Amino acid sequence: MVTHVRAEAQGDERGALLSFLAEQRGGIRRAVLGLTEEQAAGKPSASELSLAGLLKHVAEVEQGWIARAKGEPPAVKRDESNWHECFRLTGDESVESQLAYWEKVAAETEAFVRSVPTLDDTFALPNDPWFPPDERVSMRWVVLHLIRETARHAGHADIIRESLDGASAWDLVAKEQGTSWG
């Protein structure tokens, strides 16, 4: 990603992890900056991914993992019949509503991560075939997993956005800051 994380300013491991997660969220948020709903829903590459769909997906994934870590069910239940719906906006969903939802999810993530007694606390992974049976992971693991998941999709978002209108991640950082680069 093209921004700098000042982890030392946070003063602790939790702050550093949350800062890196926020940085990756920013890459996806910037990728939809200035786009119409139609552009954000566009699929300009061989992939079926759109920026709007990535935005919805990362918000749902983050909420779901934090819910699991809390011992709660995810807000949205996905299974074989509806998993694909997390990659496209439906009904009255919009980029704006998804950004607002993700902002709420991010605040809940930060509050939860800061509230756990230790990042070494664990919870059970879901009983899904791609996870080892009876595996437990730490709170640290879940934040690192969210960083990895969000970063992966931030990279996809960079490519999709550049394919839509030529705007690079560097261009979008400058646009967000009201400056130019280069």
N, C-alpha and C. Protein backbone atom coordinates (compact mmCIF):
# COMPACT_ATOMS: atom_id res chain seq x y z
N MET A 1 0.84 -1.18 0.00
CA MET A 1 0.00 0.00 0.00
C MET A 1 0.88 1.23 0.00
N VAL A 2 0.31 2.33 -0.37
CA VAL A 2 1.09 3.52 -0.62
C VAL A 2 1.07 4.54 0.52
N THR A 3 0.60 4.17 1.66
CA THR A 3 0.60 5.09 2.79
C THR A 3 1.56 4.60 3.84
N HIS A 4 1.90 5.46 4.77
CA HIS A 4 2.84 5.10 5.84
C HIS A 4 2.08 4.92 7.14
N VAL A 5 2.35 3.83 7.82
CA VAL A 5 1.72 3.55 9.11
C VAL A 5 2.67 3.97 10.21
N ARG A 6 2.23 4.85 11.05
CA ARG A 6 3.04 5.31 12.18
C ARG A 6 2.71 4.46 13.41
N ALA A 7 3.14 3.23 13.38
CA ALA A 7 2.82 2.30 14.47
C ALA A 7 3.36 2.78 15.80
N GLU A 8 4.53 3.41 15.78
CA GLU A 8 5.12 3.83 17.03
C GLU A 8 4.25 4.88 17.73
N ALA A 9 3.45 5.60 16.97
CA ALA A 9 2.58 6.61 17.57
C ALA A 9 1.47 5.96 18.39
N GLN A 10 1.15 4.72 18.07
CA GLN A 10 0.10 4.02 18.82
C GLN A 10 0.62 3.46 20.14
N GLY A 11 1.92 3.23 20.22
CA GLY A 11 2.55 2.86 21.48
C GLY A 11 2.39 1.42 21.94
N ASP A 12 1.71 0.58 21.20
CA ASP A 12 1.53 -0.79 21.66
C ASP A 12 1.22 -1.71 20.49
N GLU A 13 1.28 -3.01 20.74
CA GLU A 13 1.04 -3.99 19.68
C GLU A 13 -0.36 -3.87 19.11
N ARG A 14 -1.35 -3.72 19.97
CA ARG A 14 -2.73 -3.61 19.48
C ARG A 14 -2.86 -2.41 18.55
N GLY A 15 -2.30 -1.29 18.99
CA GLY A 15 -2.36 -0.09 18.16
C GLY A 15 -1.67 -0.28 16.83
N ALA A 16 -0.54 -0.95 16.84
CA ALA A 16 0.19 -1.20 15.59
C ALA A 16 -0.64 -2.09 14.66
N LEU A 17 -1.19 -3.17 15.19
CA LEU A 17 -2.01 -4.06 14.36
C LEU A 17 -3.23 -3.34 13.80
N LEU A 18 -3.91 -2.58 14.64
CA LEU A 18 -5.09 -1.86 14.19
C LEU A 18 -4.74 -0.77 13.18
N SER A 19 -3.56 -0.17 13.32
CA SER A 19 -3.12 0.83 12.35
C SER A 19 -2.86 0.20 10.98
N PHE A 20 -2.24 -0.97 10.96
CA PHE A 20 -2.01 -1.64 9.68
C PHE A 20 -3.34 -2.08 9.05
N LEU A 21 -4.29 -2.51 9.86
CA LEU A 21 -5.60 -2.87 9.33
C LEU A 21 -6.29 -1.62 8.75
N ALA A 22 -6.22 -0.51 9.46
CA ALA A 22 -6.82 0.74 8.98
C ALA A 22 -6.19 1.18 7.66
N GLU A 23 -4.88 1.00 7.54
CA GLU A 23 -4.19 1.36 6.30
C GLU A 23 -4.76 0.57 5.13
N GLN A 24 -4.96 -0.71 5.30
CA GLN A 24 -5.48 -1.54 4.21
C GLN A 24 -6.93 -1.21 3.90
N ARG A 25 -7.72 -0.91 4.93
CA ARG A 25 -9.09 -0.47 4.68
C ARG A 25 -9.08 0.78 3.81
N GLY A 26 -8.14 1.68 4.09
CA GLY A 26 -8.04 2.92 3.33
C GLY A 26 -7.81 2.69 1.85
N GLY A 27 -7.05 1.67 1.52
CA GLY A 27 -6.82 1.36 0.11
C GLY A 27 -8.11 1.01 -0.61
N ILE A 28 -8.97 0.27 0.03
CA ILE A 28 -10.24 -0.10 -0.60
C ILE A 28 -11.19 1.09 -0.62
N ARG A 29 -11.23 1.85 0.47
CA ARG A 29 -12.09 3.05 0.49
C ARG A 29 -11.68 4.02 -0.62
N ARG A 30 -10.37 4.23 -0.77
CA ARG A 30 -9.91 5.16 -1.81
C ARG A 30 -10.23 4.63 -3.21
N ALA A 31 -10.27 3.33 -3.38
CA ALA A 31 -10.53 2.76 -4.71
C ALA A 31 -11.91 3.13 -5.23
N VAL A 32 -12.86 3.43 -4.36
CA VAL A 32 -14.20 3.83 -4.82
C VAL A 32 -14.37 5.35 -4.83
N LEU A 33 -13.33 6.08 -4.45
CA LEU A 33 -13.38 7.53 -4.37
C LEU A 33 -13.74 8.15 -5.71
N GLY A 34 -14.84 8.92 -5.73
CA GLY A 34 -15.24 9.64 -6.93
C GLY A 34 -15.93 8.82 -8.00
N LEU A 35 -16.22 7.56 -7.72
CA LEU A 35 -16.88 6.72 -8.72
C LEU A 35 -18.39 6.79 -8.58
N THR A 36 -19.08 6.58 -9.69
CA THR A 36 -20.53 6.42 -9.65
C THR A 36 -20.85 5.00 -9.18
N GLU A 37 -22.10 4.76 -8.84
CA GLU A 37 -22.52 3.40 -8.46
C GLU A 37 -22.27 2.43 -9.61
N GLU A 38 -22.53 2.89 -10.83
CA GLU A 38 -22.34 2.02 -11.99
C GLU A 38 -20.86 1.67 -12.18
N GLN A 39 -19.98 2.66 -12.03
CA GLN A 39 -18.55 2.38 -12.15
C GLN A 39 -18.09 1.42 -11.05
N ALA A 40 -18.55 1.65 -9.83
CA ALA A 40 -18.14 0.79 -8.71
C ALA A 40 -18.64 -0.65 -8.89
N ALA A 41 -19.74 -0.82 -9.60
CA ALA A 41 -20.28 -2.16 -9.85
C ALA A 41 -19.65 -2.81 -11.08
N GLY A 42 -18.86 -2.04 -11.84
CA GLY A 42 -18.27 -2.55 -13.06
C GLY A 42 -17.24 -3.64 -12.82
N LYS A 43 -17.10 -4.50 -13.81
CA LYS A 43 -16.14 -5.61 -13.76
C LYS A 43 -15.25 -5.52 -14.99
N PRO A 44 -14.24 -4.63 -14.94
CA PRO A 44 -13.45 -4.34 -16.13
C PRO A 44 -12.34 -5.33 -16.45
N SER A 45 -12.24 -6.39 -15.69
CA SER A 45 -11.17 -7.37 -15.93
C SER A 45 -11.77 -8.75 -16.14
N ALA A 46 -10.93 -9.73 -16.30
CA ALA A 46 -11.41 -11.10 -16.48
C ALA A 46 -12.08 -11.63 -15.22
N SER A 47 -11.83 -10.99 -14.09
CA SER A 47 -12.41 -11.41 -12.82
C SER A 47 -13.88 -11.00 -12.72
N GLU A 48 -14.61 -11.67 -11.87
CA GLU A 48 -16.00 -11.31 -11.57
C GLU A 48 -16.07 -10.27 -10.46
N LEU A 49 -14.92 -9.81 -9.97
CA LEU A 49 -14.91 -8.85 -8.86
C LEU A 49 -15.19 -7.44 -9.33
N SER A 50 -15.95 -6.72 -8.50
CA SER A 50 -16.17 -5.28 -8.69
C SER A 50 -15.73 -4.58 -7.41
N LEU A 51 -15.52 -3.28 -7.50
CA LEU A 51 -15.15 -2.52 -6.30
C LEU A 51 -16.29 -2.52 -5.28
N ALA A 52 -17.51 -2.38 -5.73
CA ALA A 52 -18.65 -2.40 -4.81
C ALA A 52 -18.74 -3.75 -4.12
N GLY A 53 -18.53 -4.81 -4.87
CA GLY A 53 -18.58 -6.15 -4.28
C GLY A 53 -17.46 -6.39 -3.29
N LEU A 54 -16.25 -5.93 -3.63
CA LEU A 54 -15.13 -6.07 -2.68
C LEU A 54 -15.42 -5.32 -1.39
N LEU A 55 -15.96 -4.12 -1.52
CA LEU A 55 -16.29 -3.31 -0.35
C LEU A 55 -17.26 -4.06 0.57
N LYS A 56 -18.32 -4.60 -0.01
CA LYS A 56 -19.29 -5.36 0.77
C LYS A 56 -18.65 -6.59 1.40
N HIS A 57 -17.85 -7.29 0.62
CA HIS A 57 -17.22 -8.52 1.10
C HIS A 57 -16.30 -8.27 2.30
N VAL A 58 -15.42 -7.28 2.20
CA VAL A 58 -14.48 -7.07 3.30
C VAL A 58 -15.20 -6.62 4.57
N ALA A 59 -16.27 -5.85 4.44
CA ALA A 59 -17.03 -5.44 5.63
C ALA A 59 -17.70 -6.65 6.28
N GLU A 60 -18.31 -7.51 5.47
CA GLU A 60 -18.95 -8.71 6.01
C GLU A 60 -17.94 -9.65 6.65
N VAL A 61 -16.81 -9.83 5.99
CA VAL A 61 -15.78 -10.73 6.52
C VAL A 61 -15.26 -10.21 7.86
N GLU A 62 -14.95 -8.93 7.94
CA GLU A 62 -14.45 -8.37 9.19
C GLU A 62 -15.48 -8.53 10.31
N GLN A 63 -16.72 -8.19 10.02
CA GLN A 63 -17.77 -8.32 11.04
C GLN A 63 -17.90 -9.78 11.47
N GLY A 64 -17.86 -10.69 10.51
CA GLY A 64 -18.02 -12.10 10.83
C GLY A 64 -16.90 -12.64 11.71
N TRP A 65 -15.66 -12.27 11.42
CA TRP A 65 -14.55 -12.76 12.23
C TRP A 65 -14.58 -12.20 13.65
N ILE A 66 -14.91 -10.93 13.78
CA ILE A 66 -14.97 -10.35 15.13
C ILE A 66 -16.14 -10.96 15.90
N ALA A 67 -17.26 -11.20 15.23
CA ALA A 67 -18.37 -11.89 15.91
C ALA A 67 -17.94 -13.26 16.40
N ARG A 68 -17.24 -14.02 15.56
CA ARG A 68 -16.76 -15.34 15.97
C ARG A 68 -15.84 -15.24 17.18
N ALA A 69 -14.95 -14.26 17.14
CA ALA A 69 -14.02 -14.08 18.27
C ALA A 69 -14.77 -13.74 19.55
N LYS A 70 -15.91 -13.08 19.44
CA LYS A 70 -16.74 -12.74 20.59
C LYS A 70 -17.63 -13.91 21.01
N GLY A 71 -17.67 -14.96 20.19
CA GLY A 71 -18.55 -16.09 20.47
C GLY A 71 -19.98 -15.86 20.00
N GLU A 72 -20.15 -14.96 19.04
CA GLU A 72 -21.46 -14.62 18.50
C GLU A 72 -21.56 -15.08 17.05
N PRO A 73 -22.77 -15.24 16.54
CA PRO A 73 -22.89 -15.57 15.11
C PRO A 73 -22.64 -14.33 14.26
N PRO A 74 -22.16 -14.52 13.04
CA PRO A 74 -22.00 -13.37 12.14
C PRO A 74 -23.36 -12.70 11.88
N ALA A 75 -23.35 -11.42 11.58
CA ALA A 75 -24.59 -10.69 11.30
C ALA A 75 -25.26 -11.22 10.05
N VAL A 76 -24.45 -11.67 9.09
CA VAL A 76 -24.98 -12.22 7.84
C VAL A 76 -24.51 -13.65 7.71
N LYS A 77 -25.45 -14.57 7.58
CA LYS A 77 -25.11 -15.99 7.43
C LYS A 77 -24.95 -16.30 5.95
N ARG A 78 -23.78 -16.77 5.60
CA ARG A 78 -23.51 -17.17 4.21
C ARG A 78 -23.30 -18.68 4.16
N ASP A 79 -23.88 -19.29 3.14
CA ASP A 79 -23.68 -20.72 2.92
C ASP A 79 -23.58 -20.96 1.42
N GLU A 80 -23.65 -22.21 1.02
CA GLU A 80 -23.50 -22.56 -0.40
C GLU A 80 -24.53 -21.87 -1.28
N SER A 81 -25.71 -21.59 -0.73
CA SER A 81 -26.77 -21.02 -1.55
C SER A 81 -26.65 -19.50 -1.76
N ASN A 82 -25.95 -18.80 -0.88
CA ASN A 82 -25.92 -17.34 -1.01
C ASN A 82 -24.54 -16.71 -0.84
N TRP A 83 -23.48 -17.49 -0.83
CA TRP A 83 -22.14 -16.94 -0.60
C TRP A 83 -21.78 -15.87 -1.62
N HIS A 84 -22.24 -16.02 -2.86
CA HIS A 84 -21.89 -15.08 -3.93
C HIS A 84 -22.49 -13.69 -3.71
N GLU A 85 -23.53 -13.59 -2.89
CA GLU A 85 -24.16 -12.29 -2.64
C GLU A 85 -23.27 -11.34 -1.84
N CYS A 86 -22.23 -11.87 -1.21
CA CYS A 86 -21.32 -10.97 -0.48
C CYS A 86 -20.38 -10.25 -1.42
N PHE A 87 -20.45 -10.55 -2.72
CA PHE A 87 -19.57 -9.90 -3.70
C PHE A 87 -20.34 -8.97 -4.65
N ARG A 88 -21.57 -8.65 -4.31
CA ARG A 88 -22.32 -7.68 -5.12
C ARG A 88 -23.37 -7.00 -4.26
N LEU A 89 -23.65 -5.76 -4.60
CA LEU A 89 -24.66 -5.02 -3.87
C LEU A 89 -26.04 -5.48 -4.32
N THR A 90 -26.95 -5.60 -3.38
CA THR A 90 -28.30 -6.05 -3.68
C THR A 90 -29.30 -5.09 -3.04
N GLY A 91 -30.52 -5.13 -3.54
CA GLY A 91 -31.58 -4.31 -2.97
C GLY A 91 -31.23 -2.83 -2.96
N ASP A 92 -31.38 -2.20 -1.80
CA ASP A 92 -31.09 -0.77 -1.69
C ASP A 92 -29.66 -0.49 -1.23
N GLU A 93 -28.79 -1.49 -1.26
CA GLU A 93 -27.39 -1.27 -0.88
C GLU A 93 -26.71 -0.35 -1.88
N SER A 94 -25.82 0.49 -1.38
CA SER A 94 -25.05 1.40 -2.22
C SER A 94 -23.62 1.44 -1.70
N VAL A 95 -22.75 2.02 -2.49
CA VAL A 95 -21.37 2.20 -2.04
C VAL A 95 -21.37 3.01 -0.74
N GLU A 96 -22.15 4.08 -0.72
CA GLU A 96 -22.22 4.93 0.47
C GLU A 96 -22.70 4.16 1.70
N SER A 97 -23.73 3.33 1.53
CA SER A 97 -24.23 2.57 2.69
C SER A 97 -23.22 1.52 3.14
N GLN A 98 -22.49 0.94 2.19
CA GLN A 98 -21.48 -0.05 2.55
C GLN A 98 -20.29 0.60 3.25
N LEU A 99 -19.90 1.79 2.79
CA LEU A 99 -18.83 2.51 3.47
C LEU A 99 -19.23 2.85 4.90
N ALA A 100 -20.47 3.28 5.10
CA ALA A 100 -20.96 3.60 6.44
C ALA A 100 -21.00 2.35 7.32
N TYR A 101 -21.47 1.24 6.75
CA TYR A 101 -21.51 -0.01 7.50
C TYR A 101 -20.09 -0.44 7.89
N TRP A 102 -19.16 -0.35 6.95
CA TRP A 102 -17.79 -0.77 7.23
C TRP A 102 -17.16 0.12 8.29
N GLU A 103 -17.48 1.40 8.28
CA GLU A 103 -16.97 2.31 9.31
C GLU A 103 -17.47 1.87 10.70
N LYS A 104 -18.72 1.46 10.77
CA LYS A 104 -19.29 0.95 12.03
C LYS A 104 -18.59 -0.35 12.44
N VAL A 105 -18.41 -1.25 11.50
CA VAL A 105 -17.72 -2.51 11.76
C VAL A 105 -16.30 -2.24 12.25
N ALA A 106 -15.60 -1.32 11.59
CA ALA A 106 -14.22 -0.99 11.97
C ALA A 106 -14.16 -0.46 13.40
N ALA A 107 -15.10 0.38 13.78
CA ALA A 107 -15.14 0.90 15.15
C ALA A 107 -15.39 -0.22 16.15
N GLU A 108 -16.26 -1.16 15.79
CA GLU A 108 -16.53 -2.30 16.67
C GLU A 108 -15.29 -3.20 16.78
N THR A 109 -14.59 -3.38 15.67
CA THR A 109 -13.35 -4.18 15.69
C THR A 109 -12.34 -3.54 16.63
N GLU A 110 -12.12 -2.25 16.47
CA GLU A 110 -11.15 -1.56 17.31
C GLU A 110 -11.53 -1.65 18.79
N ALA A 111 -12.80 -1.41 19.10
CA ALA A 111 -13.24 -1.47 20.50
C ALA A 111 -13.03 -2.88 21.06
N PHE A 112 -13.37 -3.89 20.27
CA PHE A 112 -13.21 -5.27 20.75
C PHE A 112 -11.75 -5.62 20.96
N VAL A 113 -10.91 -5.32 19.97
CA VAL A 113 -9.48 -5.67 20.09
C VAL A 113 -8.86 -4.96 21.28
N ARG A 114 -9.26 -3.74 21.52
CA ARG A 114 -8.72 -3.01 22.67
C ARG A 114 -9.28 -3.52 24.00
N SER A 115 -10.42 -4.20 23.96
CA SER A 115 -11.06 -4.64 25.21
C SER A 115 -10.64 -6.02 25.69
N VAL A 116 -10.13 -6.87 24.81
CA VAL A 116 -9.78 -8.22 25.25
C VAL A 116 -8.61 -8.14 26.23
N PRO A 117 -8.63 -8.98 27.24
CA PRO A 117 -7.55 -8.92 28.25
C PRO A 117 -6.16 -9.09 27.65
N THR A 118 -6.04 -9.99 26.69
CA THR A 118 -4.74 -10.23 26.06
C THR A 118 -4.96 -10.72 24.63
N LEU A 119 -4.04 -10.39 23.75
CA LEU A 119 -4.13 -10.88 22.37
C LEU A 119 -3.85 -12.38 22.28
N ASP A 120 -3.42 -12.96 23.39
CA ASP A 120 -3.19 -14.41 23.44
C ASP A 120 -4.47 -15.18 23.72
N ASP A 121 -5.57 -14.51 24.11
CA ASP A 121 -6.86 -15.19 24.31
C ASP A 121 -7.24 -15.89 23.00
N THR A 122 -7.93 -17.02 23.11
CA THR A 122 -8.26 -17.79 21.92
C THR A 122 -9.75 -18.02 21.77
N PHE A 123 -10.11 -18.44 20.57
CA PHE A 123 -11.48 -18.86 20.26
C PHE A 123 -11.38 -19.96 19.21
N ALA A 124 -12.44 -20.73 19.08
CA ALA A 124 -12.45 -21.86 18.14
C ALA A 124 -12.72 -21.38 16.72
N LEU A 125 -12.00 -21.96 15.78
CA LEU A 125 -12.28 -21.71 14.37
C LEU A 125 -13.63 -22.33 14.01
N PRO A 126 -14.28 -21.83 12.98
CA PRO A 126 -15.55 -22.43 12.55
C PRO A 126 -15.34 -23.88 12.13
N ASN A 127 -16.39 -24.64 12.19
CA ASN A 127 -16.35 -26.03 11.77
C ASN A 127 -16.59 -26.10 10.27
N ASP A 128 -15.62 -25.61 9.51
CA ASP A 128 -15.68 -25.61 8.05
C ASP A 128 -14.57 -26.53 7.53
N PRO A 129 -14.79 -27.14 6.37
CA PRO A 129 -13.81 -28.12 5.88
C PRO A 129 -12.42 -27.55 5.60
N TRP A 130 -12.29 -26.24 5.40
CA TRP A 130 -10.98 -25.66 5.10
C TRP A 130 -10.20 -25.30 6.35
N PHE A 131 -10.78 -25.50 7.54
CA PHE A 131 -10.07 -25.28 8.79
C PHE A 131 -9.79 -26.62 9.47
N PRO A 132 -8.67 -26.72 10.18
CA PRO A 132 -8.41 -27.95 10.93
C PRO A 132 -9.47 -28.14 12.01
N PRO A 133 -9.89 -29.38 12.24
CA PRO A 133 -10.90 -29.61 13.27
C PRO A 133 -10.36 -29.26 14.66
N ASP A 134 -11.22 -28.69 15.47
CA ASP A 134 -10.91 -28.36 16.86
C ASP A 134 -9.73 -27.40 17.01
N GLU A 135 -9.49 -26.57 16.02
CA GLU A 135 -8.39 -25.60 16.07
C GLU A 135 -8.85 -24.33 16.79
N ARG A 136 -7.97 -23.80 17.61
CA ARG A 136 -8.22 -22.53 18.28
C ARG A 136 -7.17 -21.54 17.81
N VAL A 137 -7.57 -20.28 17.70
CA VAL A 137 -6.66 -19.24 17.27
C VAL A 137 -6.75 -18.06 18.24
N SER A 138 -5.72 -17.26 18.24
CA SER A 138 -5.66 -16.13 19.17
C SER A 138 -6.31 -14.88 18.59
N MET A 139 -6.54 -13.92 19.46
CA MET A 139 -7.03 -12.62 19.03
C MET A 139 -6.01 -11.96 18.11
N ARG A 140 -4.75 -12.16 18.37
CA ARG A 140 -3.69 -11.66 17.50
C ARG A 140 -3.85 -12.26 16.11
N TRP A 141 -4.11 -13.57 16.06
CA TRP A 141 -4.30 -14.27 14.78
C TRP A 141 -5.45 -13.63 14.00
N VAL A 142 -6.57 -13.34 14.65
CA VAL A 142 -7.72 -12.81 13.92
C VAL A 142 -7.42 -11.43 13.35
N VAL A 143 -6.69 -10.59 14.08
CA VAL A 143 -6.35 -9.28 13.53
C VAL A 143 -5.37 -9.43 12.37
N LEU A 144 -4.38 -10.30 12.51
CA LEU A 144 -3.46 -10.55 11.40
C LEU A 144 -4.20 -11.12 10.19
N HIS A 145 -5.17 -11.99 10.43
CA HIS A 145 -5.97 -12.56 9.35
C HIS A 145 -6.76 -11.46 8.64
N LEU A 146 -7.33 -10.54 9.41
CA LEU A 146 -8.08 -9.43 8.80
C LEU A 146 -7.16 -8.52 7.99
N ILE A 147 -5.95 -8.29 8.49
CA ILE A 147 -4.99 -7.49 7.71
C ILE A 147 -4.69 -8.20 6.39
N ARG A 148 -4.44 -9.50 6.45
CA ARG A 148 -4.13 -10.27 5.24
C ARG A 148 -5.30 -10.25 4.26
N GLU A 149 -6.49 -10.51 4.76
CA GLU A 149 -7.68 -10.55 3.90
C GLU A 149 -7.93 -9.18 3.26
N THR A 150 -7.84 -8.14 4.05
CA THR A 150 -8.11 -6.79 3.54
C THR A 150 -7.02 -6.36 2.56
N ALA A 151 -5.76 -6.67 2.86
CA ALA A 151 -4.66 -6.32 1.96
C ALA A 151 -4.79 -7.03 0.62
N ARG A 152 -5.17 -8.28 0.66
CA ARG A 152 -5.35 -9.04 -0.58
C ARG A 152 -6.38 -8.34 -1.47
N HIS A 153 -7.50 -7.94 -0.86
CA HIS A 153 -8.55 -7.30 -1.64
C HIS A 153 -8.23 -5.85 -1.98
N ALA A 154 -7.40 -5.20 -1.18
CA ALA A 154 -6.95 -3.85 -1.54
C ALA A 154 -6.12 -3.92 -2.83
N GLY A 155 -5.33 -4.95 -2.98
CA GLY A 155 -4.59 -5.14 -4.22
C GLY A 155 -5.52 -5.38 -5.40
N HIS A 156 -6.55 -6.20 -5.18
CA HIS A 156 -7.53 -6.39 -6.25
C HIS A 156 -8.18 -5.06 -6.60
N ALA A 157 -8.51 -4.28 -5.57
CA ALA A 157 -9.18 -2.99 -5.79
C ALA A 157 -8.30 -2.04 -6.60
N ASP A 158 -7.00 -2.04 -6.32
CA ASP A 158 -6.07 -1.20 -7.09
C ASP A 158 -6.15 -1.53 -8.58
N ILE A 159 -6.13 -2.81 -8.90
CA ILE A 159 -6.15 -3.24 -10.30
C ILE A 159 -7.49 -2.90 -10.95
N ILE A 160 -8.58 -3.16 -10.24
CA ILE A 160 -9.90 -2.87 -10.80
C ILE A 160 -10.04 -1.38 -11.05
N ARG A 161 -9.65 -0.55 -10.08
CA ARG A 161 -9.80 0.90 -10.24
C ARG A 161 -8.95 1.39 -11.41
N GLU A 162 -7.73 0.93 -11.50
CA GLU A 162 -6.87 1.38 -12.60
C GLU A 162 -7.44 0.93 -13.94
N SER A 163 -8.08 -0.23 -13.97
CA SER A 163 -8.71 -0.70 -15.21
C SER A 163 -9.94 0.13 -15.57
N LEU A 164 -10.63 0.67 -14.57
CA LEU A 164 -11.82 1.48 -14.82
C LEU A 164 -11.48 2.83 -15.45
N ASP A 165 -10.53 3.55 -14.82
CA ASP A 165 -10.30 4.92 -15.28
C ASP A 165 -8.84 5.36 -15.26
N GLY A 166 -7.93 4.41 -15.03
CA GLY A 166 -6.51 4.73 -15.06
C GLY A 166 -5.96 5.29 -13.76
N ALA A 167 -6.81 5.51 -12.76
CA ALA A 167 -6.34 6.07 -11.48
C ALA A 167 -5.57 5.01 -10.70
N SER A 168 -4.31 5.33 -10.36
CA SER A 168 -3.49 4.42 -9.57
C SER A 168 -3.72 4.69 -8.09
N ALA A 169 -3.21 3.80 -7.27
CA ALA A 169 -3.30 4.01 -5.81
C ALA A 169 -2.65 5.32 -5.42
N TRP A 170 -1.54 5.65 -6.06
CA TRP A 170 -0.86 6.92 -5.78
C TRP A 170 -1.77 8.10 -6.11
N ASP A 171 -2.43 8.03 -7.27
CA ASP A 171 -3.34 9.10 -7.68
C ASP A 171 -4.46 9.27 -6.65
N LEU A 172 -4.97 8.16 -6.15
CA LEU A 172 -6.11 8.21 -5.22
C LEU A 172 -5.70 8.75 -3.85
N VAL A 173 -4.49 8.45 -3.41
CA VAL A 173 -4.00 9.04 -2.15
C VAL A 173 -3.92 10.55 -2.31
N ALA A 174 -3.37 10.99 -3.44
CA ALA A 174 -3.25 12.43 -3.69
C ALA A 174 -4.64 13.07 -3.79
N LYS A 175 -5.56 12.41 -4.45
CA LYS A 175 -6.93 12.94 -4.59
C LYS A 175 -7.59 13.05 -3.22
N GLU A 176 -7.43 12.03 -2.41
CA GLU A 176 -8.02 12.04 -1.07
C GLU A 176 -7.44 13.20 -0.24
N GLN A 177 -6.17 13.47 -0.40
CA GLN A 177 -5.49 14.53 0.36
C GLN A 177 -5.62 15.89 -0.31
N GLY A 178 -6.24 15.94 -1.49
CA GLY A 178 -6.40 17.21 -2.19
C GLY A 178 -5.11 17.77 -2.74
N THR A 179 -4.18 16.87 -3.08
CA THR A 179 -2.88 17.28 -3.62
C THR A 179 -2.62 16.55 -4.92
N SER A 180 -1.46 16.71 -5.46
CA SER A 180 -1.05 15.92 -6.62
C SER A 180 0.34 15.37 -6.31
N TRP A 181 0.72 14.38 -7.04
CA TRP A 181 2.05 13.80 -6.82
C TRP A 181 2.75 13.71 -8.17
N GLY A 182 4.06 13.55 -8.05
CA GLY A 182 4.82 13.31 -9.26
C GLY A 182 5.47 14.46 -9.84
